[in-house]
Amino acid sequence: MSERADAKGAEEAPRANAMTVLSYLLGGLAFWGFVGWLADLALGFETLFLPIGLLLGLIGSLYLIITQYVRS
């Protein structure tokens, strides 16, 4: 039975479950949002880099999801 599972797993593309996709989205937003917030804090801006960081996090996480699960 393990031989069949190994052969089947080698042929199939990786499947994304909802928790993996959600964690990529939230992780990207949280990390790059925090980096943007730190940049605002360090450079003395109110909210200039926070939305930029959130946008970069969203774009980066969507790119990661697409490259791992849609194109493969």
PDB file of N, CA and C in Angstrom:
ATOM      1  N   MET A   1       0.820  -1.186   0.000  1.00  0.00           N
ATOM      2  CA  MET A   1       0.000   0.000   0.000  1.00  0.00           C
ATOM      3  C   MET A   1       0.869   1.258   0.000  1.00  0.00           C
ATOM      4  N   SER A   2       2.013   1.227   0.644  1.00  0.00           N
ATOM      5  CA  SER A   2       2.867   2.403   0.661  1.00  0.00           C
ATOM      6  C   SER A   2       3.500   2.652  -0.709  1.00  0.00           C
ATOM      7  N   GLU A   3       3.725   1.587  -1.492  1.00  0.00           N
ATOM      8  CA  GLU A   3       4.272   1.776  -2.835  1.00  0.00           C
ATOM      9  C   GLU A   3       3.292   2.533  -3.708  1.00  0.00           C
ATOM     10  N   ARG A   4       2.029   2.201  -3.574  1.00  0.00           N
ATOM     11  CA  ARG A   4       1.007   2.873  -4.366  1.00  0.00           C
ATOM     12  C   ARG A   4       0.895   4.344  -3.962  1.00  0.00           C
ATOM     13  N   ALA A   5       0.947   4.632  -2.696  1.00  0.00           N
ATOM     14  CA  ALA A   5       0.863   6.016  -2.229  1.00  0.00           C
ATOM     15  C   ALA A   5       2.077   6.818  -2.686  1.00  0.00           C
ATOM     16  N   ASP A   6       3.257   6.185  -2.684  1.00  0.00           N
ATOM     17  CA  ASP A   6       4.455   6.885  -3.137  1.00  0.00           C
ATOM     18  C   ASP A   6       4.384   7.180  -4.627  1.00  0.00           C
ATOM     19  N   ALA A   7       3.928   6.226  -5.414  1.00  0.00           N
ATOM     20  CA  ALA A   7       3.834   6.432  -6.850  1.00  0.00           C
ATOM     21  C   ALA A   7       2.778   7.482  -7.181  1.00  0.00           C
ATOM     22  N   LYS A   8       1.683   7.457  -6.472  1.00  0.00           N
ATOM     23  CA  LYS A   8       0.625   8.430  -6.719  1.00  0.00           C
ATOM     24  C   LYS A   8       1.062   9.830  -6.289  1.00  0.00           C
ATOM     25  N   GLY A   9       1.760   9.941  -5.176  1.00  0.00           N
ATOM     26  CA  GLY A   9       2.207  11.235  -4.683  1.00  0.00           C
ATOM     27  C   GLY A   9       3.254  11.870  -5.580  1.00  0.00           C
ATOM     28  N   ALA A  10       4.042  11.064  -6.270  1.00  0.00           N
ATOM     29  CA  ALA A  10       5.077  11.597  -7.143  1.00  0.00           C
ATOM     30  C   ALA A  10       4.481  12.193  -8.414  1.00  0.00           C
ATOM     31  N   GLU A  11       3.320  11.695  -8.837  1.00  0.00           N
ATOM     32  CA  GLU A  11       2.722  12.168 -10.081  1.00  0.00           C
ATOM     33  C   GLU A  11       1.838  13.392  -9.880  1.00  0.00           C
ATOM     34  N   GLU A  12       1.231  13.527  -8.732  1.00  0.00           N
ATOM     35  CA  GLU A  12       0.295  14.605  -8.500  1.00  0.00           C
ATOM     36  C   GLU A  12       0.998  15.903  -8.123  1.00  0.00           C
ATOM     37  N   ALA A  13       0.370  16.991  -8.509  1.00  0.00           N
ATOM     38  CA  ALA A  13       0.860  18.299  -8.094  1.00  0.00           C
ATOM     39  C   ALA A  13       0.464  18.522  -6.643  1.00  0.00           C
ATOM     40  N   PRO A  14       1.207  19.331  -5.916  1.00  0.00           N
ATOM     41  CA  PRO A  14       0.849  19.581  -4.517  1.00  0.00           C
ATOM     42  C   PRO A  14      -0.511  20.258  -4.428  1.00  0.00           C
ATOM     43  N   ARG A  15      -1.317  19.809  -3.473  1.00  0.00           N
ATOM     44  CA  ARG A  15      -2.643  20.364  -3.281  1.00  0.00           C
ATOM     45  C   ARG A  15      -2.616  21.364  -2.137  1.00  0.00           C
ATOM     46  N   ALA A  16      -3.293  22.452  -2.349  1.00  0.00           N
ATOM     47  CA  ALA A  16      -3.383  23.464  -1.306  1.00  0.00           C
ATOM     48  C   ALA A  16      -4.664  23.265  -0.523  1.00  0.00           C
ATOM     49  N   ASN A  17      -4.544  23.266   0.768  1.00  0.00           N
ATOM     50  CA  ASN A  17      -5.763  23.292   1.556  1.00  0.00           C
ATOM     51  C   ASN A  17      -6.001  24.725   2.014  1.00  0.00           C
ATOM     52  N   ALA A  18      -7.181  24.962   2.535  1.00  0.00           N
ATOM     53  CA  ALA A  18      -7.572  26.334   2.870  1.00  0.00           C
ATOM     54  C   ALA A  18      -6.692  26.936   3.961  1.00  0.00           C
ATOM     55  N   MET A  19      -6.267  26.134   4.922  1.00  0.00           N
ATOM     56  CA  MET A  19      -5.450  26.668   6.010  1.00  0.00           C
ATOM     57  C   MET A  19      -4.066  27.099   5.517  1.00  0.00           C
ATOM     58  N   THR A  20      -3.506  26.377   4.568  1.00  0.00           N
ATOM     59  CA  THR A  20      -2.203  26.746   4.019  1.00  0.00           C
ATOM     60  C   THR A  20      -2.294  28.068   3.274  1.00  0.00           C
ATOM     61  N   VAL A  21      -3.301  28.205   2.427  1.00  0.00           N
ATOM     62  CA  VAL A  21      -3.478  29.441   1.670  1.00  0.00           C
ATOM     63  C   VAL A  21      -3.737  30.609   2.609  1.00  0.00           C
ATOM     64  N   LEU A  22      -4.583  30.399   3.606  1.00  0.00           N
ATOM     65  CA  LEU A  22      -4.886  31.460   4.567  1.00  0.00           C
ATOM     66  C   LEU A  22      -3.645  31.865   5.363  1.00  0.00           C
ATOM     67  N   SER A  23      -2.829  30.889   5.734  1.00  0.00           N
ATOM     68  CA  SER A  23      -1.617  31.222   6.488  1.00  0.00           C
ATOM     69  C   SER A  23      -0.612  31.982   5.634  1.00  0.00           C
ATOM     70  N   TYR A  24      -0.518  31.652   4.344  1.00  0.00           N
ATOM     71  CA  TYR A  24       0.356  32.428   3.455  1.00  0.00           C
ATOM     72  C   TYR A  24      -0.132  33.873   3.352  1.00  0.00           C
ATOM     73  N   LEU A  25      -1.445  34.056   3.182  1.00  0.00           N
ATOM     74  CA  LEU A  25      -1.985  35.408   3.055  1.00  0.00           C
ATOM     75  C   LEU A  25      -1.782  36.214   4.335  1.00  0.00           C
ATOM     76  N   LEU A  26      -2.142  35.633   5.461  1.00  0.00           N
ATOM     77  CA  LEU A  26      -2.006  36.357   6.726  1.00  0.00           C
ATOM     78  C   LEU A  26      -0.544  36.570   7.106  1.00  0.00           C
ATOM     79  N   GLY A  27       0.286  35.589   6.824  1.00  0.00           N
ATOM     80  CA  GLY A  27       1.710  35.737   7.134  1.00  0.00           C
ATOM     81  C   GLY A  27       2.364  36.830   6.319  1.00  0.00           C
ATOM     82  N   GLY A  28       2.037  36.892   5.026  1.00  0.00           N
ATOM     83  CA  GLY A  28       2.588  37.948   4.178  1.00  0.00           C
ATOM     84  C   GLY A  28       2.126  39.325   4.617  1.00  0.00           C
ATOM     85  N   LEU A  29       0.834  39.439   4.923  1.00  0.00           N
ATOM     86  CA  LEU A  29       0.305  40.725   5.384  1.00  0.00           C
ATOM     87  C   LEU A  29       0.913  41.133   6.726  1.00  0.00           C
ATOM     88  N   ALA A  30       1.021  40.176   7.631  1.00  0.00           N
ATOM     89  CA  ALA A  30       1.547  40.497   8.961  1.00  0.00           C
ATOM     90  C   ALA A  30       3.023  40.884   8.901  1.00  0.00           C
ATOM     91  N   PHE A  31       3.818  40.115   8.175  1.00  0.00           N
ATOM     92  CA  PHE A  31       5.255  40.394   8.137  1.00  0.00           C
ATOM     93  C   PHE A  31       5.550  41.722   7.454  1.00  0.00           C
ATOM     94  N   TRP A  32       5.037  41.910   6.228  1.00  0.00           N
ATOM     95  CA  TRP A  32       5.357  43.131   5.495  1.00  0.00           C
ATOM     96  C   TRP A  32       4.628  44.345   6.059  1.00  0.00           C
ATOM     97  N   GLY A  33       3.469  44.132   6.677  1.00  0.00           N
ATOM     98  CA  GLY A  33       2.817  45.235   7.384  1.00  0.00           C
ATOM     99  C   GLY A  33       3.646  45.695   8.566  1.00  0.00           C
ATOM    100  N   PHE A  34       4.222  44.740   9.281  1.00  0.00           N
ATOM    101  CA  PHE A  34       5.094  45.075  10.409  1.00  0.00           C
ATOM    102  C   PHE A  34       6.353  45.792   9.937  1.00  0.00           C
ATOM    103  N   VAL A  35       6.921  45.350   8.825  1.00  0.00           N
ATOM    104  CA  VAL A  35       8.099  46.021   8.274  1.00  0.00           C
ATOM    105  C   VAL A  35       7.745  47.455   7.876  1.00  0.00           C
ATOM    106  N   GLY A  36       6.583  47.639   7.260  1.00  0.00           N
ATOM    107  CA  GLY A  36       6.140  48.992   6.905  1.00  0.00           C
ATOM    108  C   GLY A  36       5.895  49.859   8.122  1.00  0.00           C
ATOM    109  N   TRP A  37       5.320  49.270   9.169  1.00  0.00           N
ATOM    110  CA  TRP A  37       5.088  50.011  10.411  1.00  0.00           C
ATOM    111  C   TRP A  37       6.418  50.419  11.048  1.00  0.00           C
ATOM    112  N   LEU A  38       7.393  49.501  11.041  1.00  0.00           N
ATOM    113  CA  LEU A  38       8.714  49.843  11.580  1.00  0.00           C
ATOM    114  C   LEU A  38       9.384  50.946  10.769  1.00  0.00           C
ATOM    115  N   ALA A  39       9.220  50.903   9.447  1.00  0.00           N
ATOM    116  CA  ALA A  39       9.795  51.955   8.605  1.00  0.00           C
ATOM    117  C   ALA A  39       9.139  53.297   8.914  1.00  0.00           C
ATOM    118  N   ASP A  40       7.825  53.299   9.099  1.00  0.00           N
ATOM    119  CA  ASP A  40       7.137  54.536   9.491  1.00  0.00           C
ATOM    120  C   ASP A  40       7.649  55.059  10.830  1.00  0.00           C
ATOM    121  N   LEU A  41       7.818  54.147  11.777  1.00  0.00           N
ATOM    122  CA  LEU A  41       8.287  54.526  13.105  1.00  0.00           C
ATOM    123  C   LEU A  41       9.710  55.072  13.051  1.00  0.00           C
ATOM    124  N   ALA A  42      10.566  54.418  12.280  1.00  0.00           N
ATOM    125  CA  ALA A  42      11.966  54.826  12.211  1.00  0.00           C
ATOM    126  C   ALA A  42      12.152  56.135  11.453  1.00  0.00           C
ATOM    127  N   LEU A  43      11.337  56.352  10.427  1.00  0.00           N
ATOM    128  CA  LEU A  43      11.515  57.534   9.591  1.00  0.00           C
ATOM    129  C   LEU A  43      10.618  58.700   9.984  1.00  0.00           C
ATOM    130  N   GLY A  44       9.724  58.488  10.942  1.00  0.00           N
ATOM    131  CA  GLY A  44       8.903  59.571  11.454  1.00  0.00           C
ATOM    132  C   GLY A  44       7.646  59.875  10.661  1.00  0.00           C
ATOM    133  N   PHE A  45       7.190  58.965   9.837  1.00  0.00           N
ATOM    134  CA  PHE A  45       5.953  59.177   9.085  1.00  0.00           C
ATOM    135  C   PHE A  45       4.768  58.653   9.874  1.00  0.00           C
ATOM    136  N   GLU A  46       3.584  59.182   9.562  1.00  0.00           N
ATOM    137  CA  GLU A  46       2.371  58.696  10.220  1.00  0.00           C
ATOM    138  C   GLU A  46       1.991  57.324   9.664  1.00  0.00           C
ATOM    139  N   THR A  47       1.552  57.307   8.426  1.00  0.00           N
ATOM    140  CA  THR A  47       1.158  56.038   7.796  1.00  0.00           C
ATOM    141  C   THR A  47       1.514  56.060   6.317  1.00  0.00           C
ATOM    142  N   LEU A  48       2.762  56.117   6.010  1.00  0.00           N
ATOM    143  CA  LEU A  48       3.182  56.091   4.611  1.00  0.00           C
ATOM    144  C   LEU A  48       3.583  54.681   4.191  1.00  0.00           C
ATOM    145  N   PHE A  49       4.428  54.041   4.965  1.00  0.00           N
ATOM    146  CA  PHE A  49       4.957  52.745   4.570  1.00  0.00           C
ATOM    147  C   PHE A  49       4.106  51.564   5.029  1.00  0.00           C
ATOM    148  N   LEU A  50       3.218  51.766   5.978  1.00  0.00           N
ATOM    149  CA  LEU A  50       2.352  50.676   6.425  1.00  0.00           C
ATOM    150  C   LEU A  50       1.460  50.168   5.296  1.00  0.00           C
ATOM    151  N   PRO A  51       0.720  51.024   4.584  1.00  0.00           N
ATOM    152  CA  PRO A  51      -0.080  50.490   3.479  1.00  0.00           C
ATOM    153  C   PRO A  51       0.766  49.913   2.343  1.00  0.00           C
ATOM    154  N   ILE A  52       1.938  50.489   2.136  1.00  0.00           N
ATOM    155  CA  ILE A  52       2.837  49.949   1.111  1.00  0.00           C
ATOM    156  C   ILE A  52       3.290  48.548   1.509  1.00  0.00           C
ATOM    157  N   GLY A  53       3.631  48.372   2.776  1.00  0.00           N
ATOM    158  CA  GLY A  53       4.030  47.057   3.259  1.00  0.00           C
ATOM    159  C   GLY A  53       2.900  46.047   3.188  1.00  0.00           C
ATOM    160  N   LEU A  54       1.687  46.470   3.526  1.00  0.00           N
ATOM    161  CA  LEU A  54       0.538  45.570   3.426  1.00  0.00           C
ATOM    162  C   LEU A  54       0.283  45.157   1.977  1.00  0.00           C
ATOM    163  N   LEU A  55       0.408  46.103   1.070  1.00  0.00           N
ATOM    164  CA  LEU A  55       0.210  45.795  -0.344  1.00  0.00           C
ATOM    165  C   LEU A  55       1.290  44.852  -0.863  1.00  0.00           C
ATOM    166  N   LEU A  56       2.537  45.099  -0.478  1.00  0.00           N
ATOM    167  CA  LEU A  56       3.623  44.195  -0.873  1.00  0.00           C
ATOM    168  C   LEU A  56       3.425  42.800  -0.292  1.00  0.00           C
ATOM    169  N   GLY A  57       2.965  42.718   0.933  1.00  0.00           N
ATOM    170  CA  GLY A  57       2.701  41.419   1.544  1.00  0.00           C
ATOM    171  C   GLY A  57       1.595  40.665   0.840  1.00  0.00           C
ATOM    172  N   LEU A  58       0.550  41.367   0.439  1.00  0.00           N
ATOM    173  CA  LEU A  58      -0.542  40.730  -0.283  1.00  0.00           C
ATOM    174  C   LEU A  58      -0.086  40.247  -1.652  1.00  0.00           C
ATOM    175  N   ILE A  59       0.630  41.084  -2.368  1.00  0.00           N
ATOM    176  CA  ILE A  59       1.114  40.707  -3.694  1.00  0.00           C
ATOM    177  C   ILE A  59       2.096  39.550  -3.598  1.00  0.00           C
ATOM    178  N   GLY A  60       2.998  39.607  -2.628  1.00  0.00           N
ATOM    179  CA  GLY A  60       3.976  38.527  -2.468  1.00  0.00           C
ATOM    180  C   GLY A  60       3.340  37.206  -2.088  1.00  0.00           C
ATOM    181  N   SER A  61       2.369  37.238  -1.208  1.00  0.00           N
ATOM    182  CA  SER A  61       1.724  35.988  -0.807  1.00  0.00           C
ATOM    183  C   SER A  61       0.873  35.420  -1.938  1.00  0.00           C
ATOM    184  N   LEU A  62       0.198  36.269  -2.699  1.00  0.00           N
ATOM    185  CA  LEU A  62      -0.548  35.776  -3.857  1.00  0.00           C
ATOM    186  C   LEU A  62       0.383  35.180  -4.902  1.00  0.00           C
ATOM    187  N   TYR A  63       1.529  35.804  -5.121  1.00  0.00           N
ATOM    188  CA  TYR A  63       2.515  35.256  -6.047  1.00  0.00           C
ATOM    189  C   TYR A  63       2.999  33.886  -5.581  1.00  0.00           C
ATOM    190  N   LEU A  64       3.259  33.759  -4.293  1.00  0.00           N
ATOM    191  CA  LEU A  64       3.711  32.485  -3.746  1.00  0.00           C
ATOM    192  C   LEU A  64       2.645  31.405  -3.911  1.00  0.00           C
ATOM    193  N   ILE A  65       1.407  31.741  -3.646  1.00  0.00           N
ATOM    194  CA  ILE A  65       0.320  30.773  -3.785  1.00  0.00           C
ATOM    195  C   ILE A  65       0.159  30.367  -5.245  1.00  0.00           C
ATOM    196  N   ILE A  66       0.205  31.316  -6.150  1.00  0.00           N
ATOM    197  CA  ILE A  66       0.035  31.006  -7.566  1.00  0.00           C
ATOM    198  C   ILE A  66       1.179  30.138  -8.074  1.00  0.00           C
ATOM    199  N   THR A  67       2.403  30.475  -7.718  1.00  0.00           N
ATOM    200  CA  THR A  67       3.528  29.683  -8.214  1.00  0.00           C
ATOM    201  C   THR A  67       3.574  28.287  -7.633  1.00  0.00           C
ATOM    202  N   GLN A  68       3.123  28.104  -6.407  1.00  0.00           N
ATOM    203  CA  GLN A  68       3.184  26.785  -5.802  1.00  0.00           C
ATOM    204  C   GLN A  68       2.020  25.892  -6.151  1.00  0.00           C
ATOM    205  N   TYR A  69       0.827  26.462  -6.269  1.00  0.00           N
ATOM    206  CA  TYR A  69      -0.342  25.608  -6.366  1.00  0.00           C
ATOM    207  C   TYR A  69      -1.101  25.732  -7.677  1.00  0.00           C
ATOM    208  N   VAL A  70      -0.993  26.824  -8.375  1.00  0.00           N
ATOM    209  CA  VAL A  70      -1.760  26.975  -9.613  1.00  0.00           C
ATOM    210  C   VAL A  70      -0.935  26.541 -10.804  1.00  0.00           C
ATOM    211  N   ARG A  71       0.299  26.987 -10.889  1.00  0.00           N
ATOM    212  CA  ARG A  71       1.129  26.663 -12.054  1.00  0.00           C
ATOM    213  C   ARG A  71       1.722  25.276 -12.028  1.00  0.00           C
ATOM    214  N   SER A  72       1.845  24.657 -10.868  1.00  0.00           N
ATOM    215  CA  SER A  72       2.516  23.356 -10.808  1.00  0.00           C
ATOM    216  C   SER A  72       1.607  22.211 -11.142  1.00  0.00           C
TER     217      SER A  72
END
